[in-house]
Amino acid sequence: MRRLLDAGISAAQAARLALAEQASEAGDEGGSAGLAPLASDLGDALDRLDEPGAHAALDRLLARFTLQTVLRDVLMPYLHELGERWERGEASVAQEHFASNVLRGRLLGLARGWGQSAGPRAVLACAPGELHDLPLIMFGLALAGRGWSITYFGPDTPIATIQDALEDVEPRLVVVSATTSQRLRAAQAQLTELARHVPIALAGAGATDRLARATGASLLQGDPVTAAERLADESR
C-alpha cells in the first residue's frame, strides 16, 4: 500500500488495490502472463483519449508489477508502437499528444522526491531544441530506483544553464538526451566544454558513438531502464 501511495494513488484506492492484488504484492511474482492484458487496457484507454481509464489501468499495473517492469515492458513498447502508427498515419496527432501528456504527468508524479537521495547525483537534460523527454524521465525514475539522486532540467535546456548549475548541484554525471543527432551536433562545442568540467553522457536516438567520442562523453545505450541499471552497476 505504501508503494501505491508513493505512486500517487489515493489512500482508499491504494487499500482496495493492495487487497485485490495480495497474491502479487511483491512485484511481478504474480507472473508476467497478467502483464499483457493490463498493458492492452492502458493502450486502449490512451487511444480512446480516456484519461480516467488510462489512470485506472496504470494503477492496476503499478499494483501488480514493479515500476521498472511497467516502464520497460509496457510504456516503452507502447510509445514506440504509437510513434510507428503515427508515421503510418494510423494514429492522430491528438492521440500522440494526449498519450504523451497523460504519461508525462503521471511519471513526474512518480518522480516526487527523486532528488532527495543521499546517493550520487545525476543531472538530466534534453539538448537545446529537444522537447521529447519521456524516455529521459523513465531513465531518471529507474536510476532513482537504484539509489541515485536526480536533478531534472527537462526539455530544451541550454548547455550554458547546465554549466552554471554545476557548482550548486555537484553531479556525478550529466546526461544530455536528444531524439536526433542534429540537436547534439548543434551543441557539440558546448558539450565538449562541459565535459572538461564534469562527466557527461549522451542518450536518446540521436546519440551516437561518434558524437560521444567527439565531445568526450560516454554513450548510454539500450532502453532507459536497462541503461540506468547498467550505469548504476558500473558506478558501484
Protein backbone atom coordinates (compact mmCIF):
# COMPACT_ATOMS: atom_id res chain seq x y z
CA MET A 1 0.00 0.00 0.00
CA ARG A 2 2.91 2.36 0.71
CA ARG A 3 4.25 1.73 -2.78
CA LEU A 4 0.87 2.63 -4.25
CA LEU A 5 0.66 5.80 -2.15
CA ASP A 6 4.12 6.79 -3.40
CA ALA A 7 2.81 6.27 -6.92
CA GLY A 8 0.22 8.99 -6.32
CA ILE A 9 -2.80 6.73 -5.78
CA SER A 10 -5.33 7.83 -3.16
CA ALA A 11 -5.32 6.02 0.19
CA ALA A 12 -8.74 4.46 -0.31
CA GLN A 13 -7.92 3.20 -3.79
CA ALA A 14 -4.48 2.02 -2.68
CA ALA A 15 -6.09 -0.06 0.05
CA ARG A 16 -8.53 -1.66 -2.40
CA LEU A 17 -5.80 -2.43 -4.93
CA ALA A 18 -3.45 -3.82 -2.29
CA LEU A 19 -6.13 -6.20 -1.04
CA ALA A 20 -7.11 -7.22 -4.55
CA GLU A 21 -3.53 -7.93 -5.55
CA GLN A 22 -2.23 -9.66 -2.41
CA ALA A 23 -1.07 -12.65 -4.40
CA SER A 24 1.40 -10.50 -6.35
CA GLU A 25 2.15 -7.66 -3.95
CA ALA A 26 5.92 -8.16 -4.12
CA GLY A 27 6.24 -7.13 -7.78
CA ASP A 28 5.99 -9.45 -10.74
CA GLU A 29 5.75 -12.61 -8.70
CA GLY A 30 2.17 -12.81 -9.93
CA GLY A 31 3.64 -13.83 -13.26
CA SER A 32 4.21 -11.94 -16.47
CA ALA A 33 1.18 -13.56 -18.08
CA GLY A 34 -1.01 -10.92 -16.46
CA LEU A 35 1.02 -8.07 -17.92
CA ALA A 36 -0.25 -8.23 -21.50
CA PRO A 37 -3.97 -7.71 -20.83
CA LEU A 38 -3.26 -4.84 -18.43
CA ALA A 39 -0.91 -3.25 -20.95
CA SER A 40 -3.62 -3.64 -23.60
CA ASP A 41 -6.13 -1.93 -21.30
CA LEU A 42 -3.77 1.02 -20.91
CA GLY A 43 -3.11 1.31 -24.65
CA ASP A 44 -6.81 1.11 -25.47
CA ALA A 45 -7.66 3.82 -22.95
CA LEU A 46 -4.96 6.15 -24.25
CA ASP A 47 -6.04 5.58 -27.84
CA ARG A 48 -9.64 6.44 -26.86
CA LEU A 49 -8.46 9.64 -25.15
CA ASP A 50 -9.89 8.21 -21.93
CA GLU A 51 -7.85 9.81 -19.17
CA PRO A 52 -9.68 8.22 -16.18
CA GLY A 53 -9.43 4.82 -17.89
CA ALA A 54 -5.71 5.32 -18.55
CA HIS A 55 -5.01 6.25 -14.92
CA ALA A 56 -7.04 3.27 -13.71
CA ALA A 57 -5.07 0.95 -15.99
CA LEU A 58 -1.79 2.42 -14.72
CA ASP A 59 -2.98 1.94 -11.15
CA ARG A 60 -3.60 -1.74 -11.82
CA LEU A 61 -0.21 -2.16 -13.47
CA LEU A 62 1.63 -0.47 -10.61
CA ALA A 63 -0.28 -2.57 -8.10
CA ARG A 64 0.93 -5.83 -9.65
CA PHE A 65 4.31 -5.09 -11.17
CA THR A 66 7.44 -3.15 -10.31
CA LEU A 67 7.85 0.32 -11.76
CA GLN A 68 10.85 -0.89 -13.78
CA THR A 69 8.71 -3.60 -15.39
CA VAL A 70 5.95 -1.14 -16.23
CA LEU A 71 8.43 1.30 -17.74
CA ARG A 72 10.42 -1.21 -19.79
CA ASP A 73 7.74 -3.74 -20.77
CA VAL A 74 4.63 -1.55 -21.08
CA LEU A 75 5.29 2.16 -21.57
CA MET A 76 8.34 2.00 -23.83
CA PRO A 77 6.79 -0.56 -26.21
CA TYR A 78 3.51 1.38 -26.31
CA LEU A 79 5.24 4.68 -27.11
CA HIS A 80 7.38 3.01 -29.79
CA GLU A 81 4.32 1.42 -31.37
CA LEU A 82 2.36 4.68 -31.15
CA GLY A 83 5.16 6.52 -32.93
CA GLU A 84 5.17 3.95 -35.72
CA ARG A 85 1.39 4.19 -36.08
CA TRP A 86 1.65 7.98 -36.24
CA GLU A 87 4.27 7.76 -39.01
CA ARG A 88 1.96 5.44 -40.97
CA GLY A 89 -0.98 7.78 -40.48
CA GLU A 90 -2.81 5.25 -38.29
CA ALA A 91 -2.71 7.42 -35.16
CA SER A 92 -3.60 11.09 -34.97
CA VAL A 93 -1.54 13.94 -33.60
CA ALA A 94 -4.21 14.31 -30.93
CA GLN A 95 -3.72 10.70 -29.80
CA GLU A 96 0.06 11.07 -29.70
CA HIS A 97 -0.08 14.34 -27.74
CA PHE A 98 -2.76 13.05 -25.38
CA ALA A 99 -0.86 9.85 -24.55
CA SER A 100 2.42 11.71 -24.08
CA ASN A 101 0.86 14.31 -21.79
CA VAL A 102 -1.01 11.78 -19.66
CA LEU A 103 2.05 9.57 -19.23
CA ARG A 104 4.40 12.50 -18.67
CA GLY A 105 2.19 13.89 -15.91
CA ARG A 106 1.90 10.53 -14.22
CA LEU A 107 5.63 9.79 -14.42
CA LEU A 108 6.54 13.18 -13.00
CA GLY A 109 4.14 12.42 -10.16
CA LEU A 110 6.08 9.23 -9.50
CA ALA A 111 9.28 11.29 -9.57
CA ARG A 112 8.38 13.30 -6.47
CA GLY A 113 11.32 13.24 -4.10
CA TRP A 114 13.76 11.73 -6.57
CA GLY A 115 16.26 14.48 -5.74
CA GLN A 116 16.41 13.67 -2.03
CA SER A 117 18.53 10.52 -2.06
CA ALA A 118 21.93 10.54 -0.41
CA GLY A 119 23.34 8.63 -3.38
CA PRO A 120 25.31 10.02 -6.34
CA ARG A 121 23.59 12.82 -8.22
CA ALA A 122 22.74 12.86 -11.93
CA VAL A 123 21.65 15.95 -13.82
CA LEU A 124 19.25 15.09 -16.64
CA ALA A 125 18.50 17.47 -19.51
CA CYS A 126 17.27 17.43 -23.07
CA ALA A 127 19.55 19.08 -25.63
CA PRO A 128 18.68 22.59 -26.83
CA GLY A 129 15.59 22.38 -29.05
CA GLU A 130 14.69 18.86 -27.88
CA LEU A 131 11.16 18.60 -26.47
CA HIS A 132 10.68 14.83 -26.14
CA ASP A 133 11.60 13.99 -22.56
CA LEU A 134 9.56 10.89 -21.69
CA PRO A 135 12.49 8.46 -22.13
CA LEU A 136 14.67 10.75 -20.02
CA ILE A 137 12.07 10.80 -17.24
CA MET A 138 11.91 6.99 -17.37
CA PHE A 139 15.70 6.83 -17.17
CA GLY A 140 15.62 9.12 -14.13
CA LEU A 141 12.99 7.01 -12.38
CA ALA A 142 14.96 3.83 -13.00
CA LEU A 143 18.19 5.47 -11.80
CA ALA A 144 16.46 6.85 -8.70
CA GLY A 145 15.25 3.33 -8.00
CA ARG A 146 18.91 2.32 -7.84
CA GLY A 147 19.68 4.92 -5.18
CA TRP A 148 20.75 7.90 -7.29
CA SER A 149 19.58 11.45 -6.65
CA ILE A 150 18.11 13.23 -9.68
CA THR A 151 18.22 16.89 -10.69
CA TYR A 152 15.91 17.26 -13.67
CA PHE A 153 16.13 20.20 -16.08
CA GLY A 154 13.81 18.75 -18.72
CA PRO A 155 13.18 19.78 -22.34
CA ASP A 156 15.14 22.32 -24.38
CA THR A 157 17.91 23.03 -21.87
CA PRO A 158 20.72 25.39 -22.89
CA ILE A 159 24.06 23.76 -22.19
CA ALA A 160 25.24 27.02 -20.58
CA THR A 161 22.47 26.58 -17.99
CA ILE A 162 23.90 23.21 -17.01
CA GLN A 163 27.38 24.70 -16.77
CA ASP A 164 26.12 27.47 -14.49
CA ALA A 165 24.41 24.95 -12.19
CA LEU A 166 27.41 22.68 -11.62
CA GLU A 167 28.62 24.47 -8.51
CA ASP A 168 25.21 24.21 -6.86
CA VAL A 169 24.37 20.57 -7.64
CA GLU A 170 27.82 18.93 -7.94
CA PRO A 171 26.67 15.96 -10.05
CA ARG A 172 28.46 12.68 -10.53
CA LEU A 173 27.15 12.67 -14.11
CA VAL A 174 25.29 14.92 -16.54
CA VAL A 175 23.07 13.17 -19.08
CA VAL A 176 22.00 15.05 -22.22
CA SER A 177 19.45 13.40 -24.49
CA ALA A 178 18.11 14.06 -27.98
CA THR A 179 15.99 12.20 -30.48
CA THR A 180 18.03 13.46 -33.44
CA SER A 181 21.77 13.77 -33.86
CA GLN A 182 21.33 17.28 -35.29
CA ARG A 183 20.35 18.56 -31.84
CA LEU A 184 23.55 17.24 -30.33
CA ARG A 185 25.77 18.32 -33.21
CA ALA A 186 24.46 21.87 -32.89
CA ALA A 187 25.60 21.89 -29.25
CA GLN A 188 28.82 19.94 -29.82
CA ALA A 189 31.21 22.74 -28.88
CA GLN A 190 29.33 23.47 -25.66
CA LEU A 191 29.10 19.79 -24.79
CA THR A 192 32.85 19.43 -25.30
CA GLU A 193 33.46 22.34 -22.94
CA LEU A 194 31.03 20.91 -20.39
CA ALA A 195 32.83 17.56 -20.49
CA ARG A 196 36.01 19.29 -19.33
CA HIS A 197 34.33 20.08 -16.02
CA VAL A 198 32.07 17.10 -15.30
CA PRO A 199 31.50 13.59 -16.73
CA ILE A 200 28.72 13.67 -19.29
CA ALA A 201 26.79 11.00 -21.17
CA LEU A 202 24.74 11.29 -24.33
CA ALA A 203 21.43 9.46 -24.58
CA GLY A 204 18.48 9.01 -26.88
CA ALA A 205 18.09 8.05 -30.52
CA GLY A 206 20.25 10.99 -31.59
CA ALA A 207 23.26 9.93 -29.51
CA THR A 208 25.97 8.15 -31.46
CA ASP A 209 29.36 6.73 -30.60
CA ARG A 210 30.96 9.25 -32.96
CA LEU A 211 29.35 12.20 -31.19
CA ALA A 212 30.28 10.79 -27.80
CA ARG A 213 33.92 10.46 -28.79
CA ALA A 214 33.96 13.93 -30.35
CA THR A 215 32.64 15.58 -27.21
CA GLY A 216 34.49 13.49 -24.63
CA ALA A 217 31.24 11.96 -23.40
CA SER A 218 30.17 8.41 -22.72
CA LEU A 219 27.25 6.84 -24.57
CA LEU A 220 24.16 5.41 -22.90
CA GLN A 221 22.76 2.55 -24.93
CA GLY A 222 19.65 0.39 -24.75
CA ASP A 223 16.25 1.23 -23.36
CA PRO A 224 16.15 3.79 -20.50
CA VAL A 225 15.67 1.21 -17.74
CA THR A 226 18.49 -1.03 -18.95
CA ALA A 227 20.78 1.99 -19.41
CA ALA A 228 20.05 3.14 -15.85
CA GLU A 229 20.67 -0.32 -14.42
CA ARG A 230 23.94 -0.64 -16.30
CA LEU A 231 25.11 2.80 -15.17
CA ALA A 232 24.24 2.10 -11.55
CA ASP A 233 26.05 -1.25 -11.64
CA GLU A 234 29.15 0.25 -13.27
CA SER A 235 29.34 3.09 -10.75
CA ARG A 236 29.49 0.83 -7.70
